[in-house]
């Protein structure tokens, strides 16, 4: 029996969730994230000759304003979407009412659908496909911001260090990471290239140390 590819299996998962064929194919092609072995708040691995240590903690000062905002009066020219205020818990405000007596609440995204559509068009996507994906991004960001305000979404700070022989030589850190579960941190660490950044810094540190050592060795004794 012929084995099905990972791409095809992922594609079928998205299709079963109701995604159109081209959108399912887009998501299925996304690079698979790391699969870290978390031991409590820490994960370790060995890469490029360095000992990598990844640690997370809760980010009590998280700010998700990069996702956008909920407001009753969008700024002139802003891209906005009307939403149900009941889906925006945790907001301590009395939303104004329209002529029909319905509460008025809008989501104003920081990363607009116009920008996303332009990016997809520049990368060869058909206009309607780019529009569908862009709108899915808007919907996702609005839902995550609402969950954050309601306390159902936790944010974390992740720090990655690269060491050799017990000496820390490189590091990278990122805060305000909003995930539903710890396993989702793997994708964020991968997408932001945090391990590569720590290794790059560590490699530069090693090169600098070697240069200093050679410089000392080349000195003429008095």
Protein backbone atom coordinates (compact mmCIF):
# COMPACT_ATOMS: atom_id res chain seq x y z
CA UNK A 1 0.00 0.00 0.00
CA UNK A 2 1.33 3.42 -0.95
CA UNK A 3 2.26 5.73 1.91
CA UNK A 4 0.67 9.17 1.97
CA UNK A 5 2.97 12.17 2.40
CA UNK A 6 2.95 14.39 5.47
CA UNK A 7 1.91 17.30 3.26
CA UNK A 8 -1.12 15.40 1.97
CA UNK A 9 -2.16 14.32 5.49
CA UNK A 10 -1.95 17.91 6.75
CA UNK A 11 -3.84 19.08 3.67
CA UNK A 12 -6.67 16.60 4.36
CA UNK A 13 -6.87 17.70 8.01
CA UNK A 14 -7.54 21.28 6.91
CA UNK A 15 -10.00 20.11 4.27
CA UNK A 16 -11.95 18.16 6.89
CA UNK A 17 -12.19 21.38 8.92
CA UNK A 18 -13.94 22.99 5.96
CA UNK A 19 -11.06 24.98 4.45
CA UNK A 20 -11.18 25.49 0.64
CA UNK A 21 -8.63 23.45 -1.29
CA UNK A 22 -6.12 26.24 -2.04
CA UNK A 23 -6.24 27.59 1.52
CA UNK A 24 -5.81 24.07 2.94
CA UNK A 25 -2.77 23.65 0.69
CA UNK A 26 -1.34 26.99 1.87
CA UNK A 27 -1.53 25.99 5.55
CA UNK A 28 -0.29 22.46 4.90
CA UNK A 29 2.88 23.84 3.28
CA UNK A 30 3.87 25.80 6.39
CA UNK A 31 7.15 24.64 7.93
CA UNK A 32 6.77 22.18 10.78
CA UNK A 33 7.83 23.70 14.12
CA UNK A 34 10.34 22.31 16.55
CA UNK A 35 9.31 19.42 18.77
CA UNK A 36 10.97 20.34 22.05
CA UNK A 37 11.11 18.01 25.01
CA UNK A 38 9.88 20.27 27.79
CA UNK A 39 10.81 19.34 31.34
CA UNK A 40 8.71 21.74 33.35
CA UNK A 41 9.68 25.23 32.23
CA UNK A 42 12.92 24.17 30.52
CA UNK A 43 13.91 22.38 27.32
CA UNK A 44 17.46 21.54 26.25
CA UNK A 45 19.13 20.33 23.08
CA UNK A 46 22.52 20.24 21.37
CA UNK A 47 23.06 22.11 18.11
CA UNK A 48 26.04 23.42 16.13
CA UNK A 49 28.42 22.48 18.93
CA UNK A 50 26.53 24.46 21.58
CA UNK A 51 24.35 23.45 24.50
CA UNK A 52 20.98 25.14 23.98
CA UNK A 53 18.77 25.89 26.98
CA UNK A 54 15.26 27.25 26.50
CA UNK A 55 13.28 28.55 29.45
CA UNK A 56 9.89 30.24 29.71
CA UNK A 57 8.06 32.18 32.41
CA UNK A 58 4.71 33.96 32.63
CA UNK A 59 4.80 37.50 31.25
CA UNK A 60 2.76 39.51 33.75
CA UNK A 61 3.38 42.74 31.86
CA UNK A 62 2.32 41.44 28.46
CA UNK A 63 0.93 43.92 25.95
CA UNK A 64 -0.96 42.56 22.94
CA UNK A 65 -1.59 45.93 21.34
CA UNK A 66 0.33 44.61 18.31
CA UNK A 67 -2.81 42.61 17.51
CA UNK A 68 -5.02 45.70 17.40
CA UNK A 69 -7.76 47.09 19.61
CA UNK A 70 -11.50 47.04 20.33
CA UNK A 71 -13.19 50.40 20.12
CA UNK A 72 -16.56 52.05 19.53
CA UNK A 73 -15.11 54.78 17.30
CA UNK A 74 -12.46 53.75 14.75
CA UNK A 75 -10.17 56.49 13.48
CA UNK A 76 -10.97 57.97 10.07
CA UNK A 77 -9.50 55.82 7.31
CA UNK A 78 -8.79 52.87 9.62
CA UNK A 79 -9.64 49.32 8.61
CA UNK A 80 -12.21 47.93 11.06
CA UNK A 81 -14.71 45.12 11.56
CA UNK A 82 -17.85 45.17 13.62
CA UNK A 83 -17.91 42.49 16.31
CA UNK A 84 -20.32 41.28 18.96
CA UNK A 85 -19.41 42.94 22.31
CA UNK A 86 -20.44 39.72 24.07
CA UNK A 87 -17.41 38.14 22.42
CA UNK A 88 -15.11 40.75 23.98
CA UNK A 89 -15.24 39.89 27.71
CA UNK A 90 -13.00 41.63 30.20
CA UNK A 91 -13.59 45.10 28.73
CA UNK A 92 -14.93 47.33 31.52
CA UNK A 93 -16.87 49.83 29.43
CA UNK A 94 -20.44 50.55 28.47
CA UNK A 95 -20.54 50.20 24.72
CA UNK A 96 -22.68 52.84 22.94
CA UNK A 97 -25.86 51.80 21.13
CA UNK A 98 -26.90 52.27 17.53
CA UNK A 99 -30.38 53.23 16.24
CA UNK A 100 -31.59 49.65 16.68
CA UNK A 101 -30.34 49.52 20.26
CA UNK A 102 -27.43 47.17 19.47
CA UNK A 103 -24.11 47.69 21.23
CA UNK A 104 -21.46 49.17 18.92
CA UNK A 105 -18.02 47.54 19.04
CA UNK A 106 -15.34 47.34 16.36
CA UNK A 107 -12.09 45.47 16.03
CA UNK A 108 -9.29 47.55 14.50
CA UNK A 109 -6.39 45.28 13.46
CA UNK A 110 -2.80 46.42 13.66
CA UNK A 111 -1.87 44.11 10.75
CA UNK A 112 -4.52 44.98 8.20
CA UNK A 113 -6.10 42.78 5.57
CA UNK A 114 -5.00 45.31 2.93
CA UNK A 115 -1.36 44.73 3.85
CA UNK A 116 -1.80 40.96 3.93
CA UNK A 117 -3.54 40.92 0.54
CA UNK A 118 -0.72 42.99 -0.95
CA UNK A 119 1.85 40.53 0.41
CA UNK A 120 0.02 37.49 -0.98
CA UNK A 121 -0.42 39.19 -4.36
CA UNK A 122 3.31 39.97 -4.49
CA UNK A 123 4.01 36.27 -3.82
CA UNK A 124 1.83 35.00 -6.64
CA UNK A 125 -1.44 34.16 -4.86
CA UNK A 126 -4.73 34.70 -6.65
CA UNK A 127 -6.65 37.72 -5.36
CA UNK A 128 -9.55 35.74 -3.85
CA UNK A 129 -7.19 33.27 -2.14
CA UNK A 130 -5.11 36.08 -0.66
CA UNK A 131 -8.30 37.76 0.55
CA UNK A 132 -9.57 34.58 2.25
CA UNK A 133 -6.26 33.99 4.04
CA UNK A 134 -5.97 37.66 5.04
CA UNK A 135 -9.45 37.59 6.56
CA UNK A 136 -8.60 34.38 8.43
CA UNK A 137 -5.63 36.23 9.97
CA UNK A 138 -7.91 39.10 11.04
CA UNK A 139 -10.41 36.69 12.62
CA UNK A 140 -7.63 34.83 14.45
CA UNK A 141 -6.08 38.02 15.86
CA UNK A 142 -9.46 39.36 17.02
CA UNK A 143 -10.26 36.08 18.77
CA UNK A 144 -6.86 35.96 20.49
CA UNK A 145 -7.13 39.55 21.70
CA UNK A 146 -10.60 38.84 23.12
CA UNK A 147 -9.29 35.73 24.90
CA UNK A 148 -6.42 37.76 26.35
CA UNK A 149 -8.79 40.35 27.82
CA UNK A 150 -10.96 37.61 29.32
CA UNK A 151 -7.97 35.93 30.96
CA UNK A 152 -8.25 32.78 28.86
CA UNK A 153 -4.97 33.39 27.04
CA UNK A 154 -1.64 33.32 28.87
CA UNK A 155 1.45 35.19 27.71
CA UNK A 156 5.04 34.12 28.25
CA UNK A 157 8.63 35.32 28.08
CA UNK A 158 11.02 32.86 26.42
CA UNK A 159 14.80 33.01 26.81
CA UNK A 160 17.18 30.90 24.71
CA UNK A 161 20.85 30.58 25.67
CA UNK A 162 23.75 28.94 23.83
CA UNK A 163 26.65 27.69 25.95
CA UNK A 164 29.86 25.73 25.63
CA UNK A 165 31.65 24.06 28.53
CA UNK A 166 29.19 25.70 30.93
CA UNK A 167 29.91 29.24 29.67
CA UNK A 168 26.99 31.20 28.23
CA UNK A 169 28.10 32.74 24.94
CA UNK A 170 24.88 33.82 23.24
CA UNK A 171 21.24 34.46 24.03
CA UNK A 172 17.92 35.64 22.64
CA UNK A 173 14.75 36.61 24.48
CA UNK A 174 11.17 37.37 23.46
CA UNK A 175 8.19 38.44 25.57
CA UNK A 176 4.45 38.79 25.03
CA UNK A 177 4.15 35.36 23.41
CA UNK A 178 0.45 34.46 23.47
CA UNK A 179 -0.32 30.74 23.27
CA UNK A 180 -3.11 28.44 24.41
CA UNK A 181 -0.74 25.68 25.52
CA UNK A 182 2.98 25.26 26.17
CA UNK A 183 3.52 23.03 23.14
CA UNK A 184 2.64 26.01 20.93
CA UNK A 185 5.77 27.79 22.15
CA UNK A 186 7.77 25.49 19.86
CA UNK A 187 6.32 27.10 16.73
CA UNK A 188 6.94 30.62 18.03
CA UNK A 189 10.57 29.84 18.91
CA UNK A 190 11.04 28.36 15.44
CA UNK A 191 9.26 31.18 13.57
CA UNK A 192 11.34 33.86 15.29
CA UNK A 193 14.62 31.98 14.76
CA UNK A 194 15.49 32.30 18.45
CA UNK A 195 17.82 29.30 18.55
CA UNK A 196 19.63 30.44 15.41
CA UNK A 197 20.01 33.93 16.87
CA UNK A 198 21.51 32.59 20.11
CA UNK A 199 23.89 30.36 18.14
CA UNK A 200 24.90 33.24 15.88
CA UNK A 201 25.75 35.39 18.90
CA UNK A 202 27.60 32.51 20.55
CA UNK A 203 29.62 31.84 17.38
CA UNK A 204 30.58 35.51 17.22
CA UNK A 205 31.69 35.35 20.86
CA UNK A 206 33.85 32.29 20.18
CA UNK A 207 35.42 33.99 17.15
CA UNK A 208 36.19 37.09 19.22
CA UNK A 209 37.75 35.01 21.99
CA UNK A 210 39.91 33.11 19.49
CA UNK A 211 41.04 36.38 17.92
CA UNK A 212 42.05 37.76 21.32
CA UNK A 213 43.92 34.57 22.14
CA UNK A 214 45.87 34.72 18.85
CA UNK A 215 46.61 38.41 19.39
CA UNK A 216 48.08 37.69 22.82
CA UNK A 217 50.15 34.85 21.39
CA UNK A 218 51.63 37.10 18.71
CA UNK A 219 52.85 39.75 21.12
CA UNK A 220 56.60 40.22 21.40
CA UNK A 221 57.79 39.65 24.92
CA UNK A 222 59.49 42.68 26.45
